[in-house]
N, C-alpha and C. Protein backbone atom coordinates (compact mmCIF):
# COMPACT_ATOMS: atom_id res chain seq x y z
N MET A 1 -36.39 -116.62 -37.55
CA MET A 1 -35.22 -116.11 -36.88
C MET A 1 -34.62 -117.25 -36.07
N GLU A 2 -33.33 -117.22 -36.01
CA GLU A 2 -32.60 -118.28 -35.33
C GLU A 2 -31.85 -117.69 -34.14
N GLN A 3 -31.86 -118.41 -33.01
CA GLN A 3 -31.15 -117.92 -31.84
C GLN A 3 -30.00 -118.86 -31.55
N ASN A 4 -28.84 -118.27 -31.25
CA ASN A 4 -27.67 -119.07 -30.90
C ASN A 4 -27.80 -119.54 -29.47
N GLN A 5 -27.56 -120.82 -29.26
CA GLN A 5 -27.58 -121.35 -27.90
C GLN A 5 -26.33 -122.18 -27.69
N HIS A 6 -25.55 -121.76 -26.73
CA HIS A 6 -24.32 -122.46 -26.41
C HIS A 6 -24.31 -122.73 -24.92
N PRO A 7 -24.57 -123.98 -24.51
CA PRO A 7 -24.54 -124.25 -23.08
C PRO A 7 -23.13 -124.05 -22.54
N ILE A 8 -23.04 -123.40 -21.40
CA ILE A 8 -21.74 -123.14 -20.77
C ILE A 8 -21.75 -123.76 -19.39
N GLN A 9 -20.67 -124.46 -19.08
CA GLN A 9 -20.56 -125.07 -17.77
C GLN A 9 -20.55 -123.99 -16.71
N ASP A 10 -21.33 -124.15 -15.66
CA ASP A 10 -21.37 -123.17 -14.59
C ASP A 10 -20.66 -123.75 -13.38
N ASN A 11 -19.41 -123.35 -13.20
CA ASN A 11 -18.66 -123.79 -12.02
C ASN A 11 -18.42 -122.64 -11.07
N GLN A 12 -19.23 -121.57 -11.21
CA GLN A 12 -19.04 -120.40 -10.37
C GLN A 12 -19.32 -120.68 -8.90
N SER A 13 -20.15 -121.65 -8.60
CA SER A 13 -20.49 -121.89 -7.20
C SER A 13 -19.28 -122.40 -6.42
N HIS A 14 -18.22 -122.85 -7.12
CA HIS A 14 -17.01 -123.36 -6.46
C HIS A 14 -15.90 -122.31 -6.42
N GLN A 15 -16.21 -121.07 -6.78
CA GLN A 15 -15.20 -120.01 -6.82
C GLN A 15 -15.52 -118.95 -5.76
N PHE A 16 -14.47 -118.25 -5.33
CA PHE A 16 -14.65 -117.11 -4.44
C PHE A 16 -15.24 -115.95 -5.25
N PRO A 17 -15.94 -115.02 -4.60
CA PRO A 17 -16.52 -113.89 -5.34
C PRO A 17 -15.51 -113.11 -6.18
N ALA A 18 -14.29 -112.90 -5.67
CA ALA A 18 -13.29 -112.18 -6.45
C ALA A 18 -12.93 -112.96 -7.72
N GLN A 19 -12.85 -114.29 -7.64
CA GLN A 19 -12.56 -115.11 -8.81
C GLN A 19 -13.72 -115.04 -9.80
N GLN A 20 -14.94 -115.07 -9.27
CA GLN A 20 -16.12 -114.97 -10.13
C GLN A 20 -16.12 -113.64 -10.87
N ARG A 21 -15.78 -112.57 -10.16
CA ARG A 21 -15.77 -111.24 -10.76
C ARG A 21 -14.71 -111.14 -11.87
N LEU A 22 -13.50 -111.68 -11.61
CA LEU A 22 -12.44 -111.67 -12.63
C LEU A 22 -12.85 -112.48 -13.86
N LYS A 23 -13.46 -113.62 -13.63
CA LYS A 23 -13.93 -114.46 -14.74
C LYS A 23 -14.96 -113.70 -15.57
N ALA A 24 -15.91 -113.07 -14.89
CA ALA A 24 -16.95 -112.31 -15.59
C ALA A 24 -16.35 -111.14 -16.36
N GLU A 25 -15.38 -110.45 -15.78
CA GLU A 25 -14.73 -109.32 -16.46
C GLU A 25 -13.97 -109.78 -17.70
N ARG A 26 -13.30 -110.94 -17.61
CA ARG A 26 -12.60 -111.49 -18.80
C ARG A 26 -13.60 -111.83 -19.89
N GLU A 27 -14.73 -112.43 -19.50
CA GLU A 27 -15.75 -112.77 -20.49
C GLU A 27 -16.33 -111.51 -21.13
N TRP A 28 -16.56 -110.47 -20.33
CA TRP A 28 -17.06 -109.19 -20.85
C TRP A 28 -16.08 -108.63 -21.88
N ALA A 29 -14.79 -108.59 -21.52
CA ALA A 29 -13.77 -108.04 -22.42
C ALA A 29 -13.72 -108.85 -23.72
N GLY A 30 -13.81 -110.15 -23.63
CA GLY A 30 -13.82 -111.00 -24.82
C GLY A 30 -15.05 -110.75 -25.68
N ALA A 31 -16.19 -110.57 -25.04
CA ALA A 31 -17.42 -110.31 -25.78
C ALA A 31 -17.38 -108.95 -26.47
N VAL A 32 -16.83 -107.94 -25.80
CA VAL A 32 -16.70 -106.61 -26.41
C VAL A 32 -15.79 -106.70 -27.63
N ALA A 33 -14.68 -107.42 -27.51
CA ALA A 33 -13.76 -107.59 -28.65
C ALA A 33 -14.46 -108.32 -29.81
N ALA A 34 -15.20 -109.38 -29.49
CA ALA A 34 -15.90 -110.13 -30.53
C ALA A 34 -16.98 -109.27 -31.19
N LEU A 35 -17.71 -108.51 -30.39
CA LEU A 35 -18.74 -107.62 -30.93
C LEU A 35 -18.11 -106.60 -31.88
N ASN A 36 -16.99 -106.01 -31.49
CA ASN A 36 -16.32 -105.04 -32.37
C ASN A 36 -15.85 -105.70 -33.65
N GLY A 37 -15.41 -106.95 -33.58
CA GLY A 37 -15.02 -107.68 -34.79
C GLY A 37 -16.20 -107.87 -35.73
N LEU A 38 -17.36 -108.24 -35.18
CA LEU A 38 -18.56 -108.41 -36.00
C LEU A 38 -19.02 -107.07 -36.59
N LEU A 39 -18.96 -106.02 -35.78
CA LEU A 39 -19.35 -104.70 -36.28
C LEU A 39 -18.40 -104.23 -37.38
N GLN A 40 -17.11 -104.52 -37.22
CA GLN A 40 -16.13 -104.15 -38.24
C GLN A 40 -16.43 -104.85 -39.56
N GLN A 41 -16.78 -106.14 -39.50
CA GLN A 41 -17.12 -106.86 -40.72
C GLN A 41 -18.30 -106.21 -41.42
N GLY A 42 -19.30 -105.79 -40.64
CA GLY A 42 -20.47 -105.14 -41.23
C GLY A 42 -20.13 -103.80 -41.85
N VAL A 43 -19.30 -103.02 -41.16
CA VAL A 43 -18.90 -101.70 -41.66
C VAL A 43 -18.07 -101.87 -42.93
N GLU A 44 -17.12 -102.80 -42.91
CA GLU A 44 -16.27 -103.02 -44.09
C GLU A 44 -17.08 -103.55 -45.26
N SER A 45 -18.05 -104.41 -44.99
CA SER A 45 -18.91 -104.95 -46.04
C SER A 45 -19.71 -103.82 -46.68
N GLU A 46 -20.24 -102.92 -45.87
CA GLU A 46 -21.01 -101.79 -46.39
C GLU A 46 -20.10 -100.85 -47.17
N SER A 47 -18.87 -100.66 -46.71
CA SER A 47 -17.92 -99.79 -47.42
C SER A 47 -17.59 -100.36 -48.78
N THR A 48 -17.42 -101.66 -48.87
CA THR A 48 -17.14 -102.32 -50.15
C THR A 48 -18.30 -102.12 -51.10
N THR A 49 -19.52 -102.26 -50.60
CA THR A 49 -20.71 -102.06 -51.43
C THR A 49 -20.77 -100.62 -51.94
N LEU A 50 -20.47 -99.65 -51.06
CA LEU A 50 -20.50 -98.25 -51.48
C LEU A 50 -19.42 -97.94 -52.50
N ASN A 51 -18.23 -98.53 -52.33
CA ASN A 51 -17.13 -98.28 -53.26
C ASN A 51 -17.39 -98.87 -54.63
N SER A 52 -18.23 -99.91 -54.72
CA SER A 52 -18.54 -100.51 -56.02
C SER A 52 -19.79 -99.90 -56.65
N ALA A 53 -20.37 -98.88 -56.01
CA ALA A 53 -21.56 -98.22 -56.56
C ALA A 53 -21.18 -97.46 -57.83
N PRO A 54 -22.13 -97.29 -58.75
CA PRO A 54 -21.85 -96.55 -59.98
C PRO A 54 -21.39 -95.12 -59.67
N GLN A 55 -20.51 -94.62 -60.53
CA GLN A 55 -19.97 -93.28 -60.34
C GLN A 55 -21.11 -92.25 -60.38
N GLY A 56 -21.05 -91.27 -59.50
CA GLY A 56 -22.09 -90.25 -59.44
C GLY A 56 -23.19 -90.59 -58.46
N SER A 57 -23.21 -91.81 -57.93
CA SER A 57 -24.24 -92.16 -56.94
C SER A 57 -23.82 -91.65 -55.57
N GLN A 58 -24.76 -91.57 -54.68
CA GLN A 58 -24.50 -91.07 -53.33
C GLN A 58 -23.68 -92.10 -52.55
N ASN A 59 -22.50 -91.71 -52.03
CA ASN A 59 -21.63 -92.62 -51.29
C ASN A 59 -21.64 -92.35 -49.79
N THR A 60 -22.73 -91.82 -49.26
CA THR A 60 -22.86 -91.61 -47.83
C THR A 60 -23.23 -92.93 -47.18
N PRO A 61 -22.42 -93.40 -46.22
CA PRO A 61 -22.75 -94.69 -45.62
C PRO A 61 -24.03 -94.61 -44.80
N PRO A 62 -24.93 -95.57 -44.98
CA PRO A 62 -26.15 -95.57 -44.19
C PRO A 62 -25.88 -96.07 -42.77
N VAL A 63 -26.76 -95.72 -41.85
CA VAL A 63 -26.65 -96.26 -40.50
C VAL A 63 -27.09 -97.72 -40.57
N THR A 64 -26.20 -98.62 -40.16
CA THR A 64 -26.48 -100.05 -40.29
C THR A 64 -26.67 -100.74 -38.95
N GLY A 65 -26.60 -100.00 -37.85
CA GLY A 65 -26.79 -100.64 -36.56
C GLY A 65 -27.01 -99.62 -35.46
N LEU A 66 -27.43 -100.14 -34.32
CA LEU A 66 -27.65 -99.33 -33.14
C LEU A 66 -26.90 -99.98 -31.99
N LEU A 67 -26.17 -99.17 -31.24
CA LEU A 67 -25.38 -99.67 -30.12
C LEU A 67 -25.68 -98.80 -28.90
N LEU A 68 -26.30 -99.41 -27.89
CA LEU A 68 -26.59 -98.74 -26.63
C LEU A 68 -25.75 -99.42 -25.56
N SER A 69 -25.04 -98.63 -24.75
CA SER A 69 -24.21 -99.23 -23.71
C SER A 69 -24.16 -98.33 -22.51
N GLY A 70 -23.62 -98.85 -21.45
CA GLY A 70 -23.46 -98.05 -20.25
C GLY A 70 -22.62 -98.78 -19.23
N PRO A 71 -22.00 -98.14 -18.34
CA PRO A 71 -21.85 -96.69 -18.28
C PRO A 71 -20.71 -96.20 -19.15
N PHE A 72 -20.07 -97.11 -19.91
CA PHE A 72 -18.94 -96.75 -20.78
C PHE A 72 -19.23 -97.17 -22.21
N PRO A 73 -18.61 -96.52 -23.19
CA PRO A 73 -18.78 -96.95 -24.58
C PRO A 73 -18.08 -98.29 -24.81
N VAL A 74 -18.60 -99.08 -25.75
CA VAL A 74 -17.95 -100.34 -26.10
C VAL A 74 -17.42 -100.33 -27.53
N LEU A 75 -17.83 -99.35 -28.33
CA LEU A 75 -17.35 -99.23 -29.71
C LEU A 75 -15.88 -98.81 -29.68
N GLN A 76 -15.02 -99.53 -30.41
CA GLN A 76 -13.59 -99.29 -30.34
C GLN A 76 -13.05 -98.40 -31.45
N GLN A 77 -13.85 -98.07 -32.45
CA GLN A 77 -13.38 -97.25 -33.56
C GLN A 77 -14.33 -96.08 -33.78
N ALA A 78 -13.85 -94.87 -33.56
CA ALA A 78 -14.67 -93.68 -33.72
C ALA A 78 -15.19 -93.54 -35.15
N ALA A 79 -14.43 -93.98 -36.13
CA ALA A 79 -14.83 -93.84 -37.53
C ALA A 79 -16.10 -94.63 -37.84
N TRP A 80 -16.41 -95.66 -37.08
CA TRP A 80 -17.59 -96.48 -37.34
C TRP A 80 -18.88 -95.79 -36.91
N MET A 81 -18.76 -94.71 -36.13
CA MET A 81 -19.95 -94.06 -35.59
C MET A 81 -20.83 -93.44 -36.68
N ASP A 82 -20.29 -93.27 -37.89
CA ASP A 82 -21.12 -92.79 -38.99
C ASP A 82 -22.10 -93.86 -39.44
N GLN A 83 -21.77 -95.13 -39.21
CA GLN A 83 -22.61 -96.23 -39.65
C GLN A 83 -23.30 -96.96 -38.49
N ILE A 84 -22.84 -96.74 -37.28
CA ILE A 84 -23.43 -97.41 -36.12
C ILE A 84 -23.86 -96.32 -35.14
N ALA A 85 -25.18 -96.12 -35.04
CA ALA A 85 -25.70 -95.11 -34.10
C ALA A 85 -25.35 -95.57 -32.69
N THR A 86 -24.66 -94.72 -31.94
CA THR A 86 -24.12 -95.10 -30.64
C THR A 86 -24.58 -94.13 -29.57
N TRP A 87 -25.10 -94.68 -28.47
CA TRP A 87 -25.53 -93.89 -27.31
C TRP A 87 -25.02 -94.58 -26.06
N VAL A 88 -24.63 -93.78 -25.07
CA VAL A 88 -24.14 -94.32 -23.81
C VAL A 88 -25.02 -93.81 -22.67
N PHE A 89 -25.55 -94.75 -21.89
CA PHE A 89 -26.29 -94.40 -20.68
C PHE A 89 -25.26 -94.24 -19.56
N THR A 90 -25.31 -93.12 -18.86
CA THR A 90 -24.33 -92.86 -17.82
C THR A 90 -24.97 -92.05 -16.70
N VAL A 91 -24.44 -92.23 -15.50
CA VAL A 91 -24.88 -91.40 -14.39
C VAL A 91 -24.12 -90.09 -14.51
N GLY A 92 -24.82 -89.04 -14.72
CA GLY A 92 -24.17 -87.74 -14.90
C GLY A 92 -25.19 -86.71 -15.30
N ALA A 93 -24.71 -85.56 -15.59
CA ALA A 93 -25.58 -84.47 -15.99
C ALA A 93 -26.13 -84.72 -17.38
N PRO A 94 -27.39 -84.37 -17.62
CA PRO A 94 -27.94 -84.52 -18.98
C PRO A 94 -27.08 -83.75 -19.98
N GLY A 95 -26.81 -84.40 -21.10
CA GLY A 95 -26.01 -83.77 -22.15
C GLY A 95 -24.51 -83.88 -21.94
N GLU A 96 -24.09 -84.53 -20.86
CA GLU A 96 -22.66 -84.71 -20.62
C GLU A 96 -22.07 -85.48 -21.80
N VAL A 97 -20.88 -85.11 -22.21
CA VAL A 97 -20.27 -85.70 -23.39
C VAL A 97 -19.22 -86.73 -22.98
N VAL A 98 -19.29 -87.89 -23.60
CA VAL A 98 -18.29 -88.93 -23.43
C VAL A 98 -17.49 -88.96 -24.72
N GLN A 99 -16.18 -89.04 -24.62
CA GLN A 99 -15.37 -89.09 -25.84
C GLN A 99 -14.78 -90.47 -25.99
N LEU A 100 -14.82 -90.98 -27.21
CA LEU A 100 -14.24 -92.27 -27.55
C LEU A 100 -12.77 -92.03 -27.86
N LEU A 101 -11.91 -92.66 -27.08
CA LEU A 101 -10.47 -92.49 -27.29
C LEU A 101 -10.02 -93.31 -28.49
N PRO A 102 -8.99 -92.86 -29.19
CA PRO A 102 -8.50 -93.63 -30.34
C PRO A 102 -7.80 -94.90 -29.88
N ALA A 103 -7.83 -95.90 -30.73
CA ALA A 103 -7.14 -97.16 -30.43
C ALA A 103 -5.64 -96.91 -30.37
N ALA A 104 -4.95 -97.63 -29.50
CA ALA A 104 -3.51 -97.40 -29.29
C ALA A 104 -2.65 -98.00 -30.41
N GLU A 105 -3.18 -98.96 -31.15
CA GLU A 105 -2.37 -99.68 -32.13
C GLU A 105 -1.97 -98.85 -33.34
N HIS A 106 -2.79 -97.91 -33.74
CA HIS A 106 -2.51 -97.15 -34.95
C HIS A 106 -2.96 -95.72 -34.82
N LYS A 107 -2.44 -94.88 -35.70
CA LYS A 107 -2.83 -93.47 -35.68
C LYS A 107 -4.20 -93.37 -36.35
N PRO A 108 -5.20 -92.90 -35.60
CA PRO A 108 -6.55 -92.86 -36.15
C PRO A 108 -6.76 -91.72 -37.13
N GLU A 109 -7.69 -91.93 -38.07
CA GLU A 109 -8.07 -90.88 -38.99
C GLU A 109 -8.93 -89.85 -38.26
N VAL A 110 -9.76 -90.31 -37.34
CA VAL A 110 -10.63 -89.45 -36.55
C VAL A 110 -10.18 -89.59 -35.11
N PRO A 111 -9.39 -88.64 -34.57
CA PRO A 111 -8.80 -88.83 -33.24
C PRO A 111 -9.80 -88.82 -32.10
N TRP A 112 -10.84 -87.99 -32.15
CA TRP A 112 -11.81 -87.90 -31.08
C TRP A 112 -13.20 -87.88 -31.70
N LYS A 113 -14.12 -88.47 -31.02
CA LYS A 113 -15.50 -88.45 -31.49
C LYS A 113 -16.38 -88.36 -30.25
N GLU A 114 -17.29 -87.43 -30.24
CA GLU A 114 -18.20 -87.31 -29.12
C GLU A 114 -19.33 -88.31 -29.25
N ILE A 115 -19.65 -88.95 -28.14
CA ILE A 115 -20.71 -89.94 -28.11
C ILE A 115 -21.88 -89.35 -27.35
N PRO A 116 -23.07 -89.35 -27.93
CA PRO A 116 -24.22 -88.83 -27.20
C PRO A 116 -24.51 -89.70 -25.97
N THR A 117 -24.91 -89.04 -24.90
CA THR A 117 -25.21 -89.76 -23.67
C THR A 117 -26.67 -89.57 -23.27
N LEU A 118 -27.15 -90.53 -22.52
CA LEU A 118 -28.48 -90.48 -21.94
C LEU A 118 -28.30 -90.66 -20.44
N PRO A 119 -28.82 -89.74 -19.63
CA PRO A 119 -28.57 -89.81 -18.18
C PRO A 119 -29.41 -90.89 -17.50
N LEU A 120 -28.81 -91.50 -16.50
CA LEU A 120 -29.49 -92.44 -15.62
C LEU A 120 -29.54 -91.82 -14.23
N ARG A 121 -30.57 -92.14 -13.50
CA ARG A 121 -30.62 -91.72 -12.10
C ARG A 121 -29.64 -92.58 -11.33
N PRO A 122 -28.99 -92.04 -10.29
CA PRO A 122 -28.02 -92.82 -9.52
C PRO A 122 -28.61 -94.10 -8.91
N ASP A 123 -29.92 -94.12 -8.63
CA ASP A 123 -30.54 -95.30 -8.03
C ASP A 123 -31.08 -96.28 -9.08
N ASP A 124 -30.87 -95.99 -10.36
CA ASP A 124 -31.31 -96.90 -11.43
C ASP A 124 -30.43 -98.14 -11.41
N PRO A 125 -31.00 -99.35 -11.45
CA PRO A 125 -30.19 -100.58 -11.45
C PRO A 125 -29.18 -100.65 -12.60
N LEU A 126 -29.50 -100.02 -13.74
CA LEU A 126 -28.55 -100.03 -14.86
C LEU A 126 -27.27 -99.28 -14.54
N ALA A 127 -27.33 -98.35 -13.59
CA ALA A 127 -26.15 -97.57 -13.23
C ALA A 127 -25.09 -98.42 -12.55
N ALA A 128 -25.48 -99.58 -12.01
CA ALA A 128 -24.55 -100.44 -11.28
C ALA A 128 -23.95 -101.55 -12.14
N GLU A 129 -24.34 -101.64 -13.41
CA GLU A 129 -23.87 -102.72 -14.28
C GLU A 129 -23.36 -102.18 -15.60
N GLN A 130 -22.34 -102.86 -16.14
CA GLN A 130 -21.94 -102.58 -17.51
C GLN A 130 -22.90 -103.37 -18.40
N PHE A 131 -23.39 -102.74 -19.45
CA PHE A 131 -24.32 -103.44 -20.34
C PHE A 131 -24.16 -102.93 -21.76
N CYS A 132 -24.70 -103.70 -22.68
CA CYS A 132 -24.65 -103.33 -24.10
C CYS A 132 -25.81 -104.00 -24.82
N LEU A 133 -26.44 -103.24 -25.70
CA LEU A 133 -27.46 -103.76 -26.60
C LEU A 133 -27.02 -103.38 -28.00
N ALA A 134 -26.84 -104.36 -28.87
CA ALA A 134 -26.44 -104.12 -30.26
C ALA A 134 -27.53 -104.68 -31.17
N LEU A 135 -28.00 -103.86 -32.09
CA LEU A 135 -29.02 -104.27 -33.05
C LEU A 135 -28.50 -103.99 -34.46
N THR A 136 -28.42 -105.03 -35.28
CA THR A 136 -28.02 -104.90 -36.67
C THR A 136 -28.95 -105.76 -37.52
N PRO A 137 -28.94 -105.61 -38.83
CA PRO A 137 -29.77 -106.48 -39.67
C PRO A 137 -29.35 -107.96 -39.59
N GLU A 138 -28.07 -108.21 -39.29
CA GLU A 138 -27.56 -109.58 -39.28
C GLU A 138 -27.70 -110.28 -37.93
N PHE A 139 -27.54 -109.54 -36.86
CA PHE A 139 -27.59 -110.15 -35.52
C PHE A 139 -27.97 -109.08 -34.50
N SER A 140 -28.36 -109.57 -33.34
CA SER A 140 -28.62 -108.69 -32.20
C SER A 140 -28.02 -109.35 -30.97
N LEU A 141 -27.62 -108.52 -30.03
CA LEU A 141 -26.95 -109.00 -28.83
C LEU A 141 -27.32 -108.11 -27.67
N VAL A 142 -27.57 -108.71 -26.53
CA VAL A 142 -27.70 -107.97 -25.28
C VAL A 142 -26.79 -108.68 -24.29
N MET A 143 -25.98 -107.90 -23.57
CA MET A 143 -25.05 -108.50 -22.62
C MET A 143 -24.85 -107.55 -21.45
N THR A 144 -24.51 -108.13 -20.30
CA THR A 144 -24.28 -107.34 -19.11
C THR A 144 -23.20 -107.98 -18.25
N LEU A 145 -22.46 -107.13 -17.58
CA LEU A 145 -21.51 -107.55 -16.57
C LEU A 145 -22.13 -107.10 -15.26
N GLY A 146 -22.73 -108.03 -14.57
CA GLY A 146 -23.46 -107.68 -13.36
C GLY A 146 -23.50 -108.83 -12.38
N GLU A 147 -24.70 -109.14 -11.91
CA GLU A 147 -24.87 -110.21 -10.94
C GLU A 147 -26.04 -111.09 -11.33
N THR A 148 -25.97 -112.34 -10.92
CA THR A 148 -27.07 -113.27 -11.12
C THR A 148 -28.15 -112.98 -10.08
N ALA A 149 -29.25 -113.71 -10.16
CA ALA A 149 -30.32 -113.56 -9.17
C ALA A 149 -29.83 -113.94 -7.78
N ALA A 150 -28.77 -114.77 -7.71
CA ALA A 150 -28.19 -115.18 -6.43
C ALA A 150 -27.09 -114.21 -5.97
N ASN A 151 -27.02 -113.03 -6.59
CA ASN A 151 -26.03 -111.99 -6.25
C ASN A 151 -24.58 -112.43 -6.46
N GLN A 152 -24.35 -113.31 -7.42
CA GLN A 152 -22.99 -113.71 -7.78
C GLN A 152 -22.56 -112.94 -9.02
N PRO A 153 -21.31 -112.43 -9.04
CA PRO A 153 -20.83 -111.72 -10.24
C PRO A 153 -20.93 -112.63 -11.46
N ALA A 154 -21.39 -112.07 -12.58
CA ALA A 154 -21.55 -112.89 -13.78
C ALA A 154 -21.58 -112.02 -15.03
N PHE A 155 -21.19 -112.63 -16.13
CA PHE A 155 -21.37 -112.06 -17.46
C PHE A 155 -22.57 -112.79 -18.05
N LEU A 156 -23.62 -112.05 -18.38
CA LEU A 156 -24.84 -112.63 -18.94
C LEU A 156 -25.05 -112.08 -20.34
N PHE A 157 -25.55 -112.93 -21.24
CA PHE A 157 -25.75 -112.47 -22.61
C PHE A 157 -26.84 -113.27 -23.29
N SER A 158 -27.36 -112.70 -24.36
CA SER A 158 -28.30 -113.38 -25.23
C SER A 158 -28.08 -112.85 -26.64
N THR A 159 -28.08 -113.73 -27.61
CA THR A 159 -27.91 -113.34 -29.00
C THR A 159 -29.03 -113.92 -29.83
N TRP A 160 -29.31 -113.30 -30.95
CA TRP A 160 -30.22 -113.86 -31.91
C TRP A 160 -29.88 -113.31 -33.28
N THR A 161 -30.22 -114.06 -34.31
CA THR A 161 -29.92 -113.64 -35.67
C THR A 161 -31.22 -113.29 -36.38
N GLY A 162 -31.09 -112.58 -37.45
CA GLY A 162 -32.27 -112.17 -38.21
C GLY A 162 -32.52 -110.69 -38.03
N LEU A 163 -33.70 -110.27 -38.35
CA LEU A 163 -34.05 -108.86 -38.26
C LEU A 163 -34.06 -108.41 -36.81
N ALA A 164 -33.50 -107.23 -36.56
CA ALA A 164 -33.40 -106.71 -35.20
C ALA A 164 -34.77 -106.55 -34.55
N GLY A 165 -35.78 -106.22 -35.31
CA GLY A 165 -37.10 -105.99 -34.73
C GLY A 165 -37.87 -107.24 -34.44
N ASP A 166 -37.44 -108.38 -34.95
CA ASP A 166 -38.15 -109.64 -34.76
C ASP A 166 -37.55 -110.37 -33.58
N THR A 167 -38.23 -110.39 -32.44
CA THR A 167 -37.70 -111.02 -31.23
C THR A 167 -38.34 -112.38 -30.97
N GLY A 168 -38.92 -112.98 -31.98
CA GLY A 168 -39.60 -114.26 -31.79
C GLY A 168 -38.71 -115.38 -31.29
N GLY A 169 -37.41 -115.32 -31.59
CA GLY A 169 -36.51 -116.39 -31.17
C GLY A 169 -35.75 -116.09 -29.90
N LEU A 170 -35.99 -114.96 -29.27
CA LEU A 170 -35.27 -114.60 -28.05
C LEU A 170 -35.91 -115.32 -26.88
N THR A 171 -35.11 -116.15 -26.21
CA THR A 171 -35.69 -116.95 -25.12
C THR A 171 -35.19 -116.56 -23.75
N GLY A 172 -34.03 -115.97 -23.60
CA GLY A 172 -33.61 -115.60 -22.25
C GLY A 172 -32.11 -115.46 -22.12
N TRP A 173 -31.69 -115.16 -20.92
CA TRP A 173 -30.29 -114.92 -20.60
C TRP A 173 -29.51 -116.21 -20.47
N ARG A 174 -28.24 -116.13 -20.78
CA ARG A 174 -27.31 -117.21 -20.51
C ARG A 174 -26.16 -116.62 -19.73
N SER A 175 -25.59 -117.41 -18.86
CA SER A 175 -24.48 -116.94 -18.04
C SER A 175 -23.19 -117.48 -18.62
N GLY A 176 -22.17 -116.60 -18.63
CA GLY A 176 -20.85 -116.97 -19.18
C GLY A 176 -20.05 -117.77 -18.20
């Protein structure tokens, strides 16, 4: 398994906390967009494979990934939820339903989709951070919009390629 490593200059110590927070939020938004692009490629690739299957074969798309996030969903297309198992950790009542809104650019085929939720206790540290864990056969990603050990706002992430269950190449967090 291979892990992506991209050193990033850390100039956060020269910024005000509000600037650090804005920078981290921009990096989070960019990472969510990039993740959705990668997930779309996987979904479209699987759809192409299913469309080229022999006539009469089962054309039900298999689940090709797992996406856990909190406290908000990061998946941008409700139609992909048939192929990407999606769960959202949120502070709320058990069984509370989160709905994925349709993208504004086009009229969606599936206007609303309910996303299963998993409750967090209000004092759980995960309740205070945006986070996402994506596991696919091609790549895996864990990212958070939170704080560093020095309590500075930061976007932290780690990626690795290969089988989702093989974590031999995962070495640690990187700050955006």
